[in-house]
Protein backbone atom coordinates (compact mmCIF):
# COMPACT_ATOMS: atom_id res chain seq x y z
CA MET A 1 32.03 -13.52 4.45
CA SER A 2 31.97 -14.11 8.45
CA SER A 3 31.84 -17.47 10.16
CA SER A 4 28.50 -17.13 11.04
CA LEU A 5 27.50 -16.56 7.49
CA SER A 6 28.89 -18.97 6.37
CA VAL A 7 27.03 -21.37 8.47
CA LYS A 8 23.79 -19.76 7.45
CA TYR A 9 24.76 -20.09 3.75
CA HIS A 10 25.59 -23.39 4.01
CA ARG A 11 22.43 -24.54 5.96
CA LEU A 12 20.12 -22.79 3.24
CA ASP A 13 22.41 -24.46 0.28
CA GLN A 14 22.23 -27.77 1.74
CA TYR A 15 18.52 -28.16 2.53
CA SER A 16 16.37 -30.15 0.38
CA SER A 17 12.53 -30.87 0.53
CA PRO A 18 10.89 -34.29 1.03
CA ALA A 19 10.02 -34.02 -2.39
CA SER A 20 13.36 -33.75 -3.83
CA ALA A 21 14.44 -36.73 -1.69
CA SER A 22 11.73 -39.01 -2.87
CA ARG A 23 12.64 -38.08 -6.32
CA ASP A 24 16.35 -39.26 -5.71
CA ILE A 25 14.65 -42.71 -4.97
CA ASP A 26 12.40 -42.67 -7.87
CA ASP A 27 13.01 -40.54 -11.03
CA GLU A 28 10.75 -42.58 -13.29
CA GLY A 29 7.32 -40.78 -12.11
CA ASP A 30 3.97 -42.20 -12.11
CA LEU A 31 0.82 -41.54 -14.34
CA SER A 32 -1.29 -42.27 -11.43
CA ASP A 33 0.13 -38.85 -9.78
CA ILE A 34 -1.29 -36.79 -12.83
CA GLU A 35 -4.83 -36.84 -11.39
CA PRO A 36 -3.92 -35.88 -7.74
CA THR A 37 -1.64 -33.23 -9.24
CA LYS A 38 -4.54 -31.63 -10.98
CA MET A 39 -6.61 -31.82 -7.96
CA ALA A 40 -3.85 -30.20 -5.90
CA ASN A 41 -3.42 -27.30 -8.43
CA ALA A 42 -7.22 -26.72 -8.16
CA LEU A 43 -7.00 -26.61 -4.15
CA GLY A 44 -3.94 -24.58 -4.45
CA THR A 45 -5.58 -22.02 -6.73
CA PHE A 46 -8.60 -21.88 -4.14
CA ARG A 47 -6.34 -21.60 -1.07
CA ALA A 48 -4.49 -18.60 -2.91
CA VAL A 49 -7.62 -16.83 -3.57
CA TYR A 50 -9.00 -17.50 -0.29
CA VAL A 51 -5.84 -16.12 1.55
CA VAL A 52 -5.57 -13.16 -0.36
CA SER A 53 -9.47 -12.22 -0.52
CA LEU A 54 -9.51 -12.65 3.35
CA CYS A 55 -6.47 -10.19 3.95
CA SER A 56 -7.93 -7.83 1.26
CA ILE A 57 -10.92 -7.15 3.74
CA GLY A 58 -8.19 -4.73 5.04
CA SER A 59 -8.37 -2.43 1.76
CA PHE A 60 -12.32 -2.96 2.24
CA LEU A 61 -12.09 -1.61 5.78
CA PHE A 62 -10.11 1.43 4.45
CA ALA A 63 -12.52 1.98 1.67
CA TYR A 64 -15.61 1.68 3.59
CA ASP A 65 -14.45 4.02 6.04
CA THR A 66 -13.55 6.46 3.26
CA GLY A 67 -16.98 6.43 1.65
CA ILE A 68 -18.82 6.71 4.82
CA VAL A 69 -17.49 9.28 7.15
CA GLY A 70 -18.39 12.18 5.01
CA SER A 71 -22.08 11.11 4.46
CA VAL A 72 -22.51 10.01 8.00
CA LEU A 73 -21.27 13.56 9.21
CA THR A 74 -24.29 15.02 7.22
CA LEU A 75 -27.18 13.02 9.03
CA PRO A 76 -29.23 14.87 11.32
CA SER A 77 -29.33 12.29 14.14
CA PHE A 78 -25.38 12.35 14.15
CA GLN A 79 -25.23 16.31 14.46
CA ARG A 80 -28.01 16.27 17.33
CA ASP A 81 -26.17 13.52 19.16
CA PHE A 82 -22.91 15.12 19.29
CA ARG A 83 -24.33 18.78 19.80
CA TYR A 84 -22.09 20.88 17.45
CA THR A 85 -23.52 23.70 15.59
CA LYS A 86 -23.59 24.53 11.86
CA ALA A 87 -20.64 26.74 12.18
CA GLU A 88 -18.54 23.87 13.68
CA LYS A 89 -19.76 21.36 11.04
CA THR A 90 -16.82 21.95 8.58
CA GLN A 91 -14.26 21.60 11.39
CA VAL A 92 -15.94 18.23 12.78
CA ASN A 93 -15.97 17.09 9.37
CA SER A 94 -12.20 17.70 8.57
CA ASN A 95 -11.45 16.44 11.98
CA CYS A 96 -12.98 13.10 11.40
CA VAL A 97 -11.33 12.45 8.19
CA SER A 98 -7.67 13.64 9.29
CA ILE A 99 -7.39 11.98 12.31
CA LEU A 100 -8.13 8.58 11.12
CA GLN A 101 -5.85 9.39 8.29
CA GLY A 102 -3.10 10.53 11.03
CA GLY A 103 -3.52 7.32 13.04
CA ALA A 104 -3.15 5.17 9.75
CA PHE A 105 -0.17 6.99 8.79
CA PHE A 106 1.67 5.95 12.44
CA GLY A 107 -0.02 2.56 12.05
CA CYS A 108 1.91 1.72 9.09
CA PHE A 109 5.16 1.93 10.83
CA PHE A 110 3.95 0.46 14.33
CA ILE A 111 2.90 -2.66 12.24
CA TRP A 112 6.31 -3.60 10.45
CA PRO A 113 8.37 -4.34 13.25
CA LEU A 114 5.45 -6.33 14.68
CA THR A 115 5.01 -8.39 11.53
CA ALA A 116 8.78 -8.72 11.30
CA GLN A 117 9.25 -10.56 14.52
CA LEU A 118 5.77 -12.54 14.69
CA GLY A 119 4.76 -13.34 11.15
CA ARG A 120 2.35 -11.78 8.63
CA LYS A 121 -1.00 -13.53 9.98
CA TRP A 122 -0.37 -12.16 13.60
CA GLY A 123 0.40 -8.68 11.93
CA VAL A 124 -3.11 -8.90 10.45
CA VAL A 125 -4.69 -10.20 13.59
CA ILE A 126 -3.26 -7.36 15.39
CA SER A 127 -4.49 -4.81 12.86
CA SER A 128 -7.90 -6.24 13.29
CA VAL A 129 -8.20 -6.25 16.85
CA VAL A 130 -7.03 -2.68 17.24
CA PHE A 131 -9.56 -1.42 14.35
CA CYS A 132 -12.47 -3.31 16.20
CA ILE A 133 -11.61 -1.57 19.46
CA GLY A 134 -11.72 2.06 17.69
CA ALA A 135 -15.07 0.84 15.81
CA VAL A 136 -16.69 0.08 19.04
CA LEU A 137 -15.72 3.30 20.51
CA GLN A 138 -17.05 5.19 17.73
CA ILE A 139 -20.75 3.69 18.08
CA ILE A 140 -20.82 4.32 21.98
CA ASN A 141 -23.28 7.32 22.09
CA ILE A 142 -22.13 9.57 25.24
CA HIS A 143 -22.56 12.70 23.33
CA SER A 144 -18.84 13.31 23.33
CA LEU A 145 -16.93 14.35 20.05
CA GLY A 146 -13.73 13.59 22.24
CA LEU A 147 -14.77 9.69 22.38
CA PHE A 148 -15.62 9.42 18.74
CA TYR A 149 -12.07 10.94 17.94
CA ALA A 150 -10.37 8.84 19.88
CA GLY A 151 -12.24 5.96 18.37
CA ARG A 152 -11.27 7.28 14.95
CA VAL A 153 -7.67 7.34 15.87
CA ILE A 154 -7.44 3.68 17.02
CA SER A 155 -9.31 2.54 13.94
CA GLY A 156 -6.80 4.29 11.94
CA LEU A 157 -4.13 2.33 13.59
CA GLY A 158 -5.53 -0.80 12.63
CA THR A 159 -6.54 0.46 9.24
CA GLY A 160 -2.86 1.54 8.54
CA GLY A 161 -1.66 -1.70 9.47
CA ALA A 162 -3.80 -3.71 7.52
CA THR A 163 -2.74 -1.48 4.46
CA VAL A 164 0.73 -2.60 4.87
CA MET A 165 -0.39 -6.28 5.28
CA VAL A 166 -2.52 -6.81 2.24
CA PRO A 167 -0.21 -6.03 -0.35
CA MET A 168 2.63 -7.96 1.58
CA MET A 169 0.48 -11.13 1.75
CA ALA A 170 -0.81 -11.02 -1.51
CA ALA A 171 2.68 -11.20 -3.02
CA GLU A 172 3.96 -13.66 -0.79
CA PHE A 173 1.21 -16.17 -1.09
CA ALA A 174 0.34 -15.66 -4.72
CA PRO A 175 1.96 -17.92 -7.18
CA LYS A 176 3.70 -15.78 -9.79
CA ASN A 177 1.46 -16.80 -12.63
CA MET A 178 -1.65 -15.33 -10.69
CA ARG A 179 0.19 -12.46 -8.46
CA GLY A 180 -1.02 -9.59 -10.90
CA LYS A 181 -4.66 -10.92 -10.50
CA LEU A 182 -4.59 -11.64 -6.88
CA GLY A 183 -2.55 -8.46 -6.10
CA ALA A 184 -5.43 -6.33 -7.90
CA CYS A 185 -7.93 -7.75 -5.13
CA PHE A 186 -6.63 -4.73 -3.05
CA GLN A 187 -8.36 -2.12 -5.31
CA LEU A 188 -11.45 -4.71 -6.06
CA PHE A 189 -12.28 -4.70 -2.36
CA PHE A 190 -11.46 -1.22 -1.91
CA ALA A 191 -14.01 -0.32 -4.65
CA THR A 192 -16.42 -2.57 -3.34
CA GLY A 193 -15.94 -0.99 0.24
CA VAL A 194 -16.62 2.56 -1.23
CA CYS A 195 -19.65 1.43 -3.21
CA ILE A 196 -21.53 -0.36 -0.03
CA SER A 197 -20.78 2.54 1.90
CA TYR A 198 -22.25 4.91 -0.44
CA TRP A 199 -25.38 2.74 -0.61
CA VAL A 200 -25.58 1.96 3.21
CA THR A 201 -25.31 5.71 3.83
CA TYR A 202 -28.29 6.31 1.37
CA ALA A 203 -30.36 3.65 3.05
CA ALA A 204 -29.77 4.85 6.49
CA SER A 205 -30.53 8.29 5.42
CA ALA A 206 -33.88 7.25 3.56
CA GLY A 207 -34.95 4.11 5.74
CA LEU A 208 -33.91 5.08 9.42
CA SER A 209 -35.40 7.61 11.63
CA LYS A 210 -33.84 11.13 11.93
CA ALA A 211 -34.82 10.81 15.81
CA SER A 212 -32.92 7.54 16.29
CA SER A 213 -29.16 7.23 17.06
CA THR A 214 -29.21 4.11 14.88
CA GLN A 215 -29.34 6.24 11.84
CA TRP A 216 -25.84 6.59 12.07
CA GLN A 217 -24.73 3.95 14.60
CA VAL A 218 -25.66 1.09 11.74
CA PRO A 219 -23.45 2.50 8.99
CA VAL A 220 -20.48 3.09 11.42
CA GLY A 221 -21.13 -0.21 13.40
CA LEU A 222 -21.31 -2.49 10.21
CA GLN A 223 -17.43 -2.10 10.19
CA LEU A 224 -17.24 -4.60 12.86
CA VAL A 225 -18.51 -7.61 10.70
CA PRO A 226 -15.43 -7.24 8.06
CA GLY A 227 -13.11 -6.21 10.93
CA GLY A 228 -14.09 -9.23 12.87
CA LEU A 229 -13.97 -11.72 10.06
CA LEU A 230 -10.34 -10.43 9.05
CA GLY A 231 -8.80 -11.42 12.19
CA LEU A 232 -10.69 -14.62 12.87
CA GLY A 233 -9.97 -15.88 9.37
CA MET A 234 -6.48 -15.33 9.69
CA LEU A 235 -6.35 -18.05 12.52
CA LEU A 236 -7.27 -20.69 9.97
CA ILE A 237 -4.25 -20.19 7.73
CA LYS A 238 -0.78 -20.89 7.48
CA GLU A 239 2.18 -18.29 8.13
CA SER A 240 4.02 -17.02 4.99
CA PRO A 241 6.50 -19.45 3.42
CA ARG A 242 8.80 -16.45 2.78
CA TRP A 243 8.69 -15.11 6.23
CA LEU A 244 9.38 -18.68 7.59
CA ALA A 245 12.27 -19.37 5.50
CA LYS A 246 13.78 -15.56 6.31
CA LYS A 247 13.87 -16.78 10.00
CA GLY A 248 15.41 -20.13 9.17
CA ARG A 249 12.70 -22.18 9.59
CA ASN A 250 13.01 -24.08 6.54
CA GLU A 251 10.89 -27.21 7.34
CA GLU A 252 7.88 -25.05 8.54
CA ALA A 253 8.47 -22.69 5.18
CA TYR A 254 8.13 -25.95 3.03
CA GLN A 255 5.03 -27.22 4.68
CA SER A 256 3.42 -23.94 4.59
CA LEU A 257 4.23 -23.41 0.81
CA LEU A 258 2.84 -27.03 0.32
CA TRP A 259 -0.29 -26.24 1.80
CA ILE A 260 -0.86 -23.12 0.02
CA ARG A 261 -0.22 -24.90 -3.59
CA GLY A 262 -2.56 -27.68 -2.75
CA GLY A 263 -0.59 -30.14 -0.62
CA VAL A 264 0.66 -32.63 -3.11
CA GLU A 265 4.39 -32.62 -3.45
CA SER A 266 5.48 -31.89 -6.96
CA PRO A 267 8.61 -30.51 -9.06
CA GLU A 268 7.12 -27.20 -9.24
CA ILE A 269 6.78 -26.66 -5.67
CA GLU A 270 10.30 -27.95 -5.23
CA ALA A 271 11.53 -25.68 -7.70
CA GLU A 272 9.49 -22.82 -6.21
CA PHE A 273 11.05 -23.33 -2.59
CA GLN A 274 14.49 -23.62 -3.94
CA GLU A 275 13.98 -20.11 -5.44
CA ILE A 276 12.58 -18.91 -2.10
CA LEU A 277 15.74 -20.41 -0.45
CA THR A 278 17.81 -18.97 -3.09
CA GLY A 279 16.44 -15.44 -2.76
CA VAL A 280 16.96 -15.62 0.90
CA GLN A 281 20.62 -16.56 0.38
CA VAL A 282 21.22 -13.60 -2.24
CA GLU A 283 19.94 -11.26 0.73
CA ILE A 284 22.16 -12.94 3.51
CA GLN A 285 25.05 -12.42 1.19
CA ALA A 286 24.34 -8.69 0.63
CA SER A 287 24.70 -8.13 4.31
CA GLU A 288 24.56 -10.28 7.36
CA GLY A 289 21.86 -8.30 9.12
CA PHE A 290 19.77 -5.66 8.57
CA THR A 291 20.74 -2.09 8.94
CA TRP A 292 19.28 1.32 7.76
CA LYS A 293 22.35 1.77 5.85
CA GLU A 294 20.88 -1.16 3.47
CA LEU A 295 18.12 1.08 2.33
CA LEU A 296 20.73 3.37 0.73
CA LEU A 297 22.15 0.36 -1.62
CA PRO A 298 21.42 1.45 -5.31
CA SER A 299 18.48 -1.06 -6.12
CA ASN A 300 16.55 -0.49 -2.68
CA ARG A 301 17.36 3.21 -2.90
CA LEU A 302 15.35 2.95 -6.51
CA ARG A 303 12.80 0.89 -4.88
CA MET A 304 12.16 3.06 -1.82
CA PHE A 305 11.87 6.06 -4.01
CA ILE A 306 9.26 4.32 -6.21
CA ALA A 307 7.28 3.20 -3.17
CA ILE A 308 6.94 6.92 -2.19
CA THR A 309 6.59 8.60 -5.52
CA ILE A 310 4.37 5.93 -7.05
CA GLN A 311 1.53 6.73 -4.13
CA LEU A 312 2.47 10.29 -4.65
CA ALA A 313 1.38 10.10 -8.54
CA ALA A 314 -1.74 7.87 -7.75
CA GLN A 315 -3.15 10.64 -5.28
CA LEU A 316 -2.27 13.35 -7.88
CA SER A 317 -4.36 11.47 -10.41
CA GLY A 318 -7.53 13.28 -8.60
CA ASN A 319 -9.41 10.25 -7.85
CA THR A 320 -8.79 10.18 -3.76
CA SER A 321 -10.45 13.65 -3.97
CA LEU A 322 -13.37 12.24 -6.17
CA ALA A 323 -13.78 9.48 -3.61
CA TYR A 324 -13.95 11.92 -0.59
CA TYR A 325 -16.04 14.84 -2.32
CA ALA A 326 -17.66 13.15 -4.88
CA PRO A 327 -21.07 14.92 -4.48
CA GLN A 328 -19.54 18.24 -4.44
CA PHE A 329 -17.74 17.28 -7.75
CA PHE A 330 -20.99 16.15 -9.37
CA ALA A 331 -22.54 19.34 -7.93
CA LEU A 332 -20.28 21.57 -10.09
CA LEU A 333 -22.12 19.60 -12.90
CA GLY A 334 -25.69 20.70 -11.56
CA THR A 335 -26.94 17.38 -10.09
CA GLY A 336 -28.33 19.29 -7.29
CA ASP A 337 -30.01 16.94 -4.63
CA LYS A 338 -29.51 14.19 -6.85
CA SER A 339 -25.95 14.16 -6.14
CA VAL A 340 -25.69 11.28 -3.46
CA PHE A 341 -27.63 9.16 -5.73
CA ILE A 342 -25.45 9.61 -8.49
CA THR A 343 -22.56 8.98 -6.20
CA GLY A 344 -23.97 5.31 -5.40
CA PHE A 345 -23.50 4.57 -9.11
CA PHE A 346 -20.18 6.29 -9.21
CA GLY A 347 -19.00 3.01 -6.80
CA ILE A 348 -20.60 0.69 -9.09
CA VAL A 349 -18.23 1.93 -11.97
CA LYS A 350 -15.50 1.54 -9.86
CA ILE A 351 -16.04 -1.98 -9.08
CA ALA A 352 -16.65 -2.72 -12.95
CA GLY A 353 -13.04 -1.14 -13.85
CA VAL A 354 -11.17 -3.06 -11.47
CA VAL A 355 -13.02 -6.55 -12.53
CA PHE A 356 -11.80 -5.21 -16.18
CA PHE A 357 -8.46 -4.95 -14.81
CA ILE A 358 -8.38 -8.29 -13.16
CA ILE A 359 -9.79 -10.19 -16.15
CA PHE A 360 -8.14 -8.29 -19.30
CA PHE A 361 -5.05 -6.44 -18.41
CA VAL A 362 -3.08 -7.26 -15.32
CA ASP A 363 -1.39 -10.43 -17.03
CA SER A 364 -1.40 -9.64 -20.49
CA LEU A 365 -0.43 -6.07 -20.42
CA GLY A 366 1.77 -5.99 -17.35
CA ARG A 367 2.31 -3.00 -15.11
CA ARG A 368 3.96 -0.15 -17.05
CA LYS A 369 1.44 -0.35 -20.00
CA PRO A 370 -1.63 0.14 -17.87
CA LEU A 371 -0.19 2.87 -15.73
CA MET A 372 0.95 4.98 -18.81
CA GLY A 373 -2.36 4.28 -20.80
CA GLY A 374 -4.27 4.90 -17.64
CA ALA A 375 -2.84 8.24 -16.93
CA LEU A 376 -2.90 9.57 -20.44
CA LEU A 377 -6.50 8.59 -20.65
CA MET A 378 -7.29 10.22 -17.35
CA GLY A 379 -5.79 13.51 -18.07
CA ALA A 380 -7.51 13.99 -21.65
CA LEU A 381 -10.90 12.96 -19.56
CA MET A 382 -10.09 15.47 -16.58
CA LEU A 383 -9.43 18.33 -19.36
CA ILE A 384 -12.46 17.63 -21.32
CA VAL A 385 -14.72 17.67 -18.28
CA GLY A 386 -13.00 21.13 -17.12
CA ILE A 387 -13.66 22.45 -20.67
CA ILE A 388 -17.39 21.44 -20.49
CA ILE A 389 -17.66 23.28 -16.75
CA ALA A 390 -15.83 26.26 -18.02
CA THR A 391 -17.94 26.57 -21.18
CA HIS A 392 -21.37 25.44 -20.15
CA PRO A 393 -21.50 26.43 -16.44
CA PRO A 394 -24.86 24.67 -14.76
CA LYS A 395 -27.32 26.74 -13.41
CA ALA A 396 -29.22 25.39 -10.40
CA SER A 397 -32.66 26.19 -12.12
CA GLU A 398 -32.01 23.99 -14.95
CA GLY A 399 -31.09 20.75 -13.07
CA ILE A 400 -29.11 18.31 -15.06
CA THR A 401 -28.30 19.60 -18.60
CA SER A 402 -26.99 17.46 -21.65
CA SER A 403 -23.74 19.23 -20.92
CA GLY A 404 -23.90 18.29 -17.43
CA ALA A 405 -24.85 14.82 -18.11
CA ALA A 406 -21.72 14.44 -20.45
CA GLY A 407 -19.60 15.71 -17.51
CA ILE A 408 -21.08 12.99 -15.45
CA ALA A 409 -20.45 10.37 -17.93
CA LEU A 410 -16.75 11.28 -18.56
CA ILE A 411 -16.23 11.28 -14.60
CA TYR A 412 -17.68 7.77 -14.44
CA LEU A 413 -15.31 6.73 -17.26
CA GLU A 414 -12.46 8.43 -15.47
CA ALA A 415 -13.20 6.52 -12.34
CA PHE A 416 -13.48 3.19 -14.50
CA THR A 417 -10.06 4.05 -16.12
CA PHE A 418 -8.58 4.77 -12.60
CA ASN A 419 -9.71 1.43 -11.32
CA PHE A 420 -8.06 -0.42 -14.09
CA SER A 421 -4.80 1.09 -14.02
CA TRP A 422 -3.66 3.51 -11.10
CA GLY A 423 -6.12 2.17 -8.36
CA PRO A 424 -4.59 -1.45 -8.51
CA GLY A 425 -1.27 -0.74 -10.13
CA PRO A 426 0.68 1.15 -6.93
CA TRP A 427 -0.48 -1.38 -4.15
CA LEU A 428 0.37 -4.47 -6.37
CA TYR A 429 3.82 -2.98 -7.57
CA ILE A 430 4.88 -1.90 -4.11
CA GLY A 431 3.96 -5.46 -2.80
CA GLU A 432 6.40 -7.37 -5.40
CA ILE A 433 9.34 -5.34 -5.59
CA PHE A 434 11.00 -5.52 -2.42
CA PRO A 435 13.11 -8.52 -1.34
CA ASN A 436 12.34 -10.27 2.07
CA ARG A 437 14.89 -8.43 4.25
CA ILE A 438 13.34 -5.04 3.51
CA ARG A 439 9.79 -6.00 2.56
CA GLU A 440 8.17 -4.97 5.79
CA ILE A 441 9.89 -1.38 5.99
CA GLY A 442 9.53 -0.90 2.16
CA ILE A 443 5.89 -1.55 2.08
CA GLY A 444 5.17 0.04 5.38
CA THR A 445 6.87 3.28 3.86
CA GLY A 446 4.71 2.92 0.73
CA ALA A 447 1.51 2.89 2.73
CA ALA A 448 2.36 5.52 5.18
CA SER A 449 3.12 7.66 2.04
CA GLN A 450 -0.45 7.10 0.67
CA TRP A 451 -1.90 7.93 3.94
CA LEU A 452 0.12 11.17 4.16
CA PHE A 453 -0.40 12.34 0.54
CA ASN A 454 -4.46 11.25 0.96
CA PHE A 455 -4.29 13.62 3.99
CA VAL A 456 -3.01 16.29 1.89
CA MET A 457 -5.34 16.02 -1.07
CA SER A 458 -8.14 15.62 1.45
CA GLN A 459 -7.33 19.04 2.78
CA VAL A 460 -6.50 20.76 -0.64
CA THR A 461 -9.61 19.63 -2.58
CA PRO A 462 -12.13 21.27 -0.87
CA HIS A 463 -10.46 24.63 -1.19
CA ALA A 464 -9.65 24.09 -4.92
CA VAL A 465 -13.08 23.26 -5.69
CA THR A 466 -14.34 26.58 -3.70
CA ASN A 467 -11.56 28.89 -5.12
CA ILE A 468 -10.58 27.62 -8.53
CA GLY A 469 -13.81 25.60 -9.63
CA TRP A 470 -13.52 24.09 -13.05
CA ARG A 471 -9.75 24.68 -13.02
CA THR A 472 -9.36 21.82 -10.39
CA PHE A 473 -9.96 19.37 -13.28
CA LEU A 474 -7.25 21.21 -15.35
CA MET A 475 -4.94 20.66 -12.35
CA PHE A 476 -5.79 17.02 -12.21
CA ALA A 477 -5.17 16.78 -16.16
CA ILE A 478 -1.49 18.46 -16.01
CA PHE A 479 -0.83 16.11 -13.12
CA ASN A 480 -2.02 12.87 -14.95
CA PHE A 481 0.12 13.78 -17.88
CA ALA A 482 3.17 14.16 -15.79
CA ASN A 483 2.21 10.44 -14.59
CA VAL A 484 3.00 9.21 -17.86
CA VAL A 485 6.58 10.79 -17.98
CA TYR A 486 7.09 9.52 -14.41
CA VAL A 487 6.11 5.89 -15.50
CA TRP A 488 8.16 5.88 -18.62
CA PHE A 489 11.66 6.71 -16.66
CA PHE A 490 11.02 5.09 -13.51
CA ILE A 491 8.70 2.13 -13.36
CA ARG A 492 10.38 -1.19 -14.36
CA GLU A 493 8.11 -4.45 -15.79
CA THR A 494 7.82 -7.00 -13.01
CA ASN A 495 5.00 -9.10 -14.68
CA GLY A 496 5.84 -12.70 -14.88
CA LYS A 497 8.70 -12.59 -12.40
CA SER A 498 8.93 -14.17 -8.90
CA LEU A 499 9.63 -12.25 -5.96
CA GLU A 500 12.99 -13.52 -5.99
CA GLU A 501 13.81 -12.56 -9.54
CA MET A 502 13.38 -8.69 -8.31
CA GLU A 503 16.91 -8.67 -7.42
CA VAL A 504 17.64 -9.10 -11.33
CA VAL A 505 14.79 -6.62 -12.21
CA PHE A 506 16.55 -3.94 -10.07
CA GLY A 507 19.96 -5.01 -10.72
CA THR A 508 20.99 -6.46 -7.32
CA VAL A 509 22.57 -9.17 -9.10
CA ASP A 510 22.70 -10.13 -12.85
CA ARG A 511 21.07 -13.38 -12.18
CA LEU A 512 19.99 -15.71 -9.23
CA PRO A 513 22.34 -18.32 -8.23
CA THR A 514 21.44 -21.81 -9.34
CA LYS A 515 20.34 -24.76 -7.21
CA ASP A 516 21.50 -27.10 -9.74
CA PRO A 517 24.45 -29.07 -8.28
CA GLU A 518 25.99 -29.97 -11.58
CA SER A 519 26.22 -26.39 -12.83
CA PRO A 520 29.15 -23.92 -12.62
CA THR A 521 29.55 -22.16 -9.21
CA ASP A 522 28.06 -18.59 -9.04
CA ASP A 523 31.16 -16.86 -7.63
CA ARG A 524 30.63 -14.17 -10.12
CA ASN A 525 27.34 -13.47 -8.80
CA VAL A 526 28.74 -13.54 -5.30
CA GLU A 527 31.02 -10.95 -6.06
CA SER A 528 28.66 -8.72 -7.89
CA ILE A 529 26.47 -8.83 -4.67
CA ASN A 530 29.40 -8.01 -2.53
CA GLU A 531 30.42 -5.08 -4.85
CA THR A 532 26.45 -3.72 -4.67
CA SER A 533 26.64 -3.88 -0.99
CA LYS A 534 29.56 -1.71 -0.52
C-alpha cells in the first residue's frame, strides 16, 4: 500500500462524528431524547421522499416526451406549421423519436464526469437547464423542422443526463429499509408522465382549434413546468453524503446525512455514517485511483454486464414498443378510431401497476422474485394475445368484438404486470449495485444502454407490426420466457442490503471491515481486496 493511500486510509479510519464524541462523554442515554428521535425519523422520511420524488421528475420528463411525440406529430396544426407532406410524415415521425434518443444516449455519458466532479445536485441542475433550452427551441414556430430537430437533440441530452441521476440519487439518499420503495419512484413518475401525455394530447386534439399553433405548442411547452421544477428544487437540498465522503469532505458528508435523516444525532445515523466511510475505505484499498482497468475486476465486470443486459431484457419484454405504438397495437384488436381513447386508460393501468409494486412487492419479495414472476406472466399474456389475434382476426366493420375486448384487457394486464416488475426493477437495481468509485460510469452505461435498445425497438416495432402482425406478440412472449432464465442465473438479491454491503453481495470482499475498535483487525479482508484487485 502506498504512503498516500495509507494517509487516506488513516484519515477515514480515525474520523468520528459529533454524535460518537458526545456518546463517549455520556453513555447513559436520556428518555427525553425519545420524542425528538421519533420526530426526526418522521422528518427524515419526509426529506428522503421529497428528495427522491424531486429527482424523479427527470423520469417524468423522459416519459412525457415518449408518450407525447407520436401523438403531437399527428395533429393537423403541427403538420401545417412545419409544412411537410403526407409522404414525408413517416420519416418526420421517425426522426423526431430517433434524434431525442440519440441525444439521450450521449447525454448519459456527458453527465457522469460532470456529476463526478461537481456533485449529484449540480448534475441534475445541469440536466434540467439543458432540457429546458431544448424545450424552448421546440415550441418556437418559424416553420423550421431543423430548429425543432435541434431542440429535440438538446432536450435529449438533458433527458439522458436526468435518467442517470434519478437512480443514482434515489440509491444514495434513501435509507436501506426504504430504498426499494423510493427507487421505484423512477417508474412511478415514468408511468405518470406517459399517462398525462396521453390525456394532454387527447385534450389538445379535442379542445384546441386545429387552425391554431397552440394545439401542438401547449402539449410540447408544458414540459417546461416539470423541467424548471427539477432544477430549481435541487437548489434547496443537500449534496449526497456518499459523494462528499468519496471526496474526503467527511464533516460535510456527516452534516448532509444528518439533514437527510431528520437532523437529530442518533446511534443509527452514526452507524450508517461509519458504514459509508467503511465503504469508501474498501474502495480506496481496492485501487488508489479510478482506472478503466478497474471495470474489469471480476465483481465489477459482472455488475457492468448486468447494467447493460438488464436494460436489454426490459426492452425485449415488449413494453417500450407498446408505449410508443399503443394505438397501432390496439388497432390490431379492432379498436378503430377509439384507439387513442383506449390508450389513455392504458396509461392509468401503468400507474396502478407501479403503486401495487411499491405497496406490496418491493420490500417483501425483494428483486429477483418480481422479475422472474413478472417475466413469466408477461410471456403468458403476450402468447395469449397473439393466439387471440391469430384465431379471431378483427374486421373493421365489426368494431370491437368480444375477442378484441379480451385482447385489450390482456394487454392492460400485461402493462400492469410490467409496471410491478420489469418497469421499476432494472432502474432500481442498477442504482444500487455499484460502489461509489464507479457508480457514475456504471449507471451511465446502464442508462445509455436503455436508450440504445429503446432506439432499436422503436425502429423495429412498426415494421414487425406491419410485416408479421400477431406474431409480434409471439416474439415478445419468447423474449419474456428467456428473461426468466436470465434472472435466475445473473441477478443477485440486494433487498435489505446497504450500498456498502453490495461489495459482499458481488464478492469483492467476504465482509466489510468493522469499525468496532475492540474487534480483531481485518487483515483477512484487506488481503482479499488486494487479491481481487490484481
